[in-house]
C-alpha atoms as a PDB file:
ATOM      1  CA  MET A   1     -11.962  12.261  -9.324  1.00  0.00           C
ATOM      2  CA  ILE A   2      -8.669  13.517 -10.750  1.00  0.00           C
ATOM      3  CA  ASP A   3     -10.539  16.015 -13.048  1.00  0.00           C
ATOM      4  CA  LYS A   4     -12.260  17.513 -10.031  1.00  0.00           C
ATOM      5  CA  MET A   5      -9.061  17.807  -7.928  1.00  0.00           C
ATOM      6  CA  PRO A   6      -6.668  20.695  -8.197  1.00  0.00           C
ATOM      7  CA  GLN A   7      -3.255  19.484  -9.611  1.00  0.00           C
ATOM      8  CA  GLU A   8      -1.333  20.122  -6.430  1.00  0.00           C
ATOM      9  CA  ASP A   9      -3.745  17.971  -4.551  1.00  0.00           C
ATOM     10  CA  ALA A  10      -3.518  15.226  -7.125  1.00  0.00           C
ATOM     11  CA  ASN A  11       0.255  15.376  -6.941  1.00  0.00           C
ATOM     12  CA  GLY A  12       0.074  15.282  -3.087  1.00  0.00           C
ATOM     13  CA  TYR A  13      -2.136  12.151  -3.228  1.00  0.00           C
ATOM     14  CA  ILE A  14       0.240  10.455  -5.650  1.00  0.00           C
ATOM     15  CA  ALA A  15       3.228  11.416  -3.505  1.00  0.00           C
ATOM     16  CA  ALA A  16       1.568  10.116  -0.432  1.00  0.00           C
ATOM     17  CA  VAL A  17       0.665   6.771  -1.960  1.00  0.00           C
ATOM     18  CA  LEU A  18       4.295   6.356  -3.180  1.00  0.00           C
ATOM     19  CA  LYS A  19       5.631   7.350   0.310  1.00  0.00           C
ATOM     20  CA  ILE A  20       3.533   4.747   2.014  1.00  0.00           C
ATOM     21  CA  TYR A  21       4.661   2.118  -0.510  1.00  0.00           C
ATOM     22  CA  LEU A  22       8.296   2.892  -0.220  1.00  0.00           C
ATOM     23  CA  GLN A  23       8.443   2.924   3.549  1.00  0.00           C
ATOM     24  CA  LEU A  24       7.315  -0.635   3.752  1.00  0.00           C
ATOM     25  CA  PRO A  25       9.738  -3.455   4.320  1.00  0.00           C
ATOM     26  CA  GLU A  26      10.647  -5.453   1.259  1.00  0.00           C
ATOM     27  CA  THR A  27       9.799  -2.706  -1.159  1.00  0.00           C
ATOM     28  CA  PRO A  28      12.108  -0.929  -3.530  1.00  0.00           C
ATOM     29  CA  THR A  29      13.976   2.151  -2.277  1.00  0.00           C
ATOM     30  CA  ARG A  30      12.605   4.212  -5.370  1.00  0.00           C
ATOM     31  CA  SER A  31       9.383   4.234  -7.385  1.00  0.00           C
ATOM     32  CA  ASN A  32       9.239   4.009 -10.970  1.00  0.00           C
ATOM     33  CA  PHE A  33       6.910   5.213 -13.783  1.00  0.00           C
ATOM     34  CA  ASN A  34       4.583   2.212 -13.413  1.00  0.00           C
ATOM     35  CA  ASP A  35       4.316   2.840  -9.641  1.00  0.00           C
ATOM     36  CA  ARG A  36       3.212   6.496 -10.381  1.00  0.00           C
ATOM     37  CA  LYS A  37       0.719   5.221 -13.012  1.00  0.00           C
ATOM     38  CA  THR A  38      -0.767   2.782 -10.418  1.00  0.00           C
ATOM     39  CA  ALA A  39      -1.046   5.670  -7.958  1.00  0.00           C
ATOM     40  CA  GLU A  40      -2.782   7.739 -10.516  1.00  0.00           C
ATOM     41  CA  ALA A  41      -5.160   4.952 -11.211  1.00  0.00           C
ATOM     42  CA  LEU A  42      -5.978   4.729  -7.408  1.00  0.00           C
ATOM     43  CA  LEU A  43      -6.644   8.567  -7.546  1.00  0.00           C
ATOM     44  CA  THR A  44      -8.934   8.254 -10.514  1.00  0.00           C
ATOM     45  CA  ARG A  45     -10.875   5.456  -8.699  1.00  0.00           C
ATOM     46  CA  GLY A  46     -11.218   7.688  -5.697  1.00  0.00           C
ATOM     47  CA  VAL A  47      -9.637   5.191  -3.289  1.00  0.00           C
ATOM     48  CA  PRO A  48      -9.141   6.850   0.057  1.00  0.00           C
ATOM     49  CA  LEU A  49      -5.582   7.168   1.332  1.00  0.00           C
ATOM     50  CA  THR A  50      -6.430   5.300   4.506  1.00  0.00           C
ATOM     51  CA  THR A  51      -7.750   2.323   2.449  1.00  0.00           C
ATOM     52  CA  ILE A  52      -4.492   2.291   0.541  1.00  0.00           C
ATOM     53  CA  GLU A  53      -2.349   2.392   3.640  1.00  0.00           C
ATOM     54  CA  SER A  54      -4.540  -0.246   5.355  1.00  0.00           C
ATOM     55  CA  ALA A  55      -4.228  -2.490   2.254  1.00  0.00           C
ATOM     56  CA  LEU A  56      -0.460  -2.116   1.869  1.00  0.00           C
ATOM     57  CA  LEU A  57       0.034  -2.800   5.593  1.00  0.00           C
ATOM     58  CA  LEU A  58      -2.351  -5.699   5.650  1.00  0.00           C
ATOM     59  CA  ALA A  59      -0.403  -7.345   2.521  1.00  0.00           C
ATOM     60  CA  THR A  60       2.833  -6.693   4.363  1.00  0.00           C
ATOM     61  CA  VAL A  61       1.713  -8.237   7.558  1.00  0.00           C
ATOM     62  CA  ARG A  62       0.438 -11.342   5.593  1.00  0.00           C
ATOM     63  CA  ARG A  63       3.818 -11.528   3.840  1.00  0.00           C
ATOM     64  CA  LEU A  64       6.047 -10.994   6.808  1.00  0.00           C
ATOM     65  CA  GLY A  65       4.005 -13.231   9.072  1.00  0.00           C
ATOM     66  CA  ARG A  66       4.204 -16.333   6.680  1.00  0.00           C
ATOM     67  CA  PRO A  67       5.621 -19.409   8.357  1.00  0.00           C
ATOM     68  CA  SER A  68       9.438 -19.417   8.224  1.00  0.00           C
ATOM     69  CA  ASP A  69       9.436 -22.985   6.779  1.00  0.00           C
ATOM     70  CA  LEU A  70       7.890 -21.943   3.586  1.00  0.00           C
ATOM     71  CA  PRO A  71       9.992 -20.940   0.548  1.00  0.00           C
ATOM     72  CA  PRO A  72      10.777 -17.274   0.418  1.00  0.00           C
ATOM     73  CA  LEU A  73       8.585 -15.059  -1.777  1.00  0.00           C
ATOM     74  CA  SER A  74       9.876 -13.124  -4.771  1.00  0.00           C
ATOM     75  CA  PRO A  75      10.888  -9.552  -4.016  1.00  0.00           C
ATOM     76  CA  ILE A  76       8.217  -6.825  -4.354  1.00  0.00           C
ATOM     77  CA  ARG A  77       9.080  -4.819  -7.473  1.00  0.00           C
ATOM     78  CA  SER A  78       5.997  -2.728  -7.916  1.00  0.00           C
ATOM     79  CA  LEU A  79       3.094  -1.008  -6.270  1.00  0.00           C
ATOM     80  CA  ALA A  80       0.769  -3.071  -8.479  1.00  0.00           C
ATOM     81  CA  TYR A  81       1.642  -6.097  -6.174  1.00  0.00           C
ATOM     82  CA  PHE A  82      -0.684  -4.694  -3.576  1.00  0.00           C
ATOM     83  CA  MET A  83      -3.690  -3.972  -5.840  1.00  0.00           C
ATOM     84  CA  PRO A  84      -5.578  -7.207  -5.037  1.00  0.00           C
ATOM     85  CA  VAL A  85      -5.492  -6.275  -1.355  1.00  0.00           C
ATOM     86  CA  VAL A  86      -6.591  -2.700  -2.176  1.00  0.00           C
ATOM     87  CA  GLN A  87      -9.537  -4.136  -4.114  1.00  0.00           C
ATOM     88  CA  GLU A  88     -10.279  -6.541  -1.191  1.00  0.00           C
ATOM     89  CA  LEU A  89     -10.458  -3.539   1.177  1.00  0.00           C
ATOM     90  CA  VAL A  90     -12.528  -1.430  -1.229  1.00  0.00           C
ATOM     91  CA  ASN A  91     -15.018  -4.326  -1.289  1.00  0.00           C
ATOM     92  CA  ASP A  92     -14.778  -5.028   2.405  1.00  0.00           C
ATOM     93  CA  PRO A  93     -13.396  -2.180   4.392  1.00  0.00           C
ATOM     94  CA  ILE A  94     -11.766  -2.791   7.741  1.00  0.00           C
ATOM     95  CA  PRO A  95     -12.539  -0.686  10.767  1.00  0.00           C
ATOM     96  CA  GLU A  96     -10.462   2.512  10.975  1.00  0.00           C
ATOM     97  CA  ASP A  97      -9.080   1.652  14.368  1.00  0.00           C
ATOM     98  CA  TYR A  98      -7.461  -1.504  12.789  1.00  0.00           C
ATOM     99  CA  LEU A  99      -5.069   0.731  10.871  1.00  0.00           C
ATOM    100  CA  GLN A 100      -3.078   1.458  14.142  1.00  0.00           C
ATOM    101  CA  TYR A 101      -2.831  -2.190  14.860  1.00  0.00           C
ATOM    102  CA  LEU A 102      -1.511  -2.930  11.402  1.00  0.00           C
ATOM    103  CA  ARG A 103       1.140  -0.253  11.703  1.00  0.00           C
ATOM    104  CA  MET A 104       2.337  -1.717  14.930  1.00  0.00           C
ATOM    105  CA  LYS A 105       2.219  -5.220  13.596  1.00  0.00           C
ATOM    106  CA  VAL A 106       4.399  -4.292  10.634  1.00  0.00           C
ATOM    107  CA  ARG A 107       6.927  -2.575  12.807  1.00  0.00           C
ATOM    108  CA  PHE A 108       7.067  -5.707  15.039  1.00  0.00           C
ATOM    109  CA  LEU A 109       7.355  -8.162  12.090  1.00  0.00           C
ATOM    110  CA  ALA A 110       9.985  -6.082  10.363  1.00  0.00           C
ATOM    111  CA  THR A 111      12.321  -6.262  13.358  1.00  0.00           C
ATOM    112  CA  LYS A 112      12.152  -9.971  13.713  1.00  0.00           C
END
């Protein structure tokens, strides 16, 4: 897909993926070289931005919604942390209207 896309569109896609990632709770404040490479790989695979956003939000809901009596998880250091959930949603997409619910749920859980 990257070969067929104008460079400015490819850069916009990568920037959008990184923005979604960095706006999540418990993610770094800045992306790194490996995060950009992961975003480029998603572009090459042709993964839609809505699928990526849904996956990142779903993983965040799962993470923030863990029972409080469990040991804390390690910090998220890389966009690659989310790739298993991206693959999960590529294989078994969720309904588009579920994305709005995930956005709301992350906002709610992040304020707890």
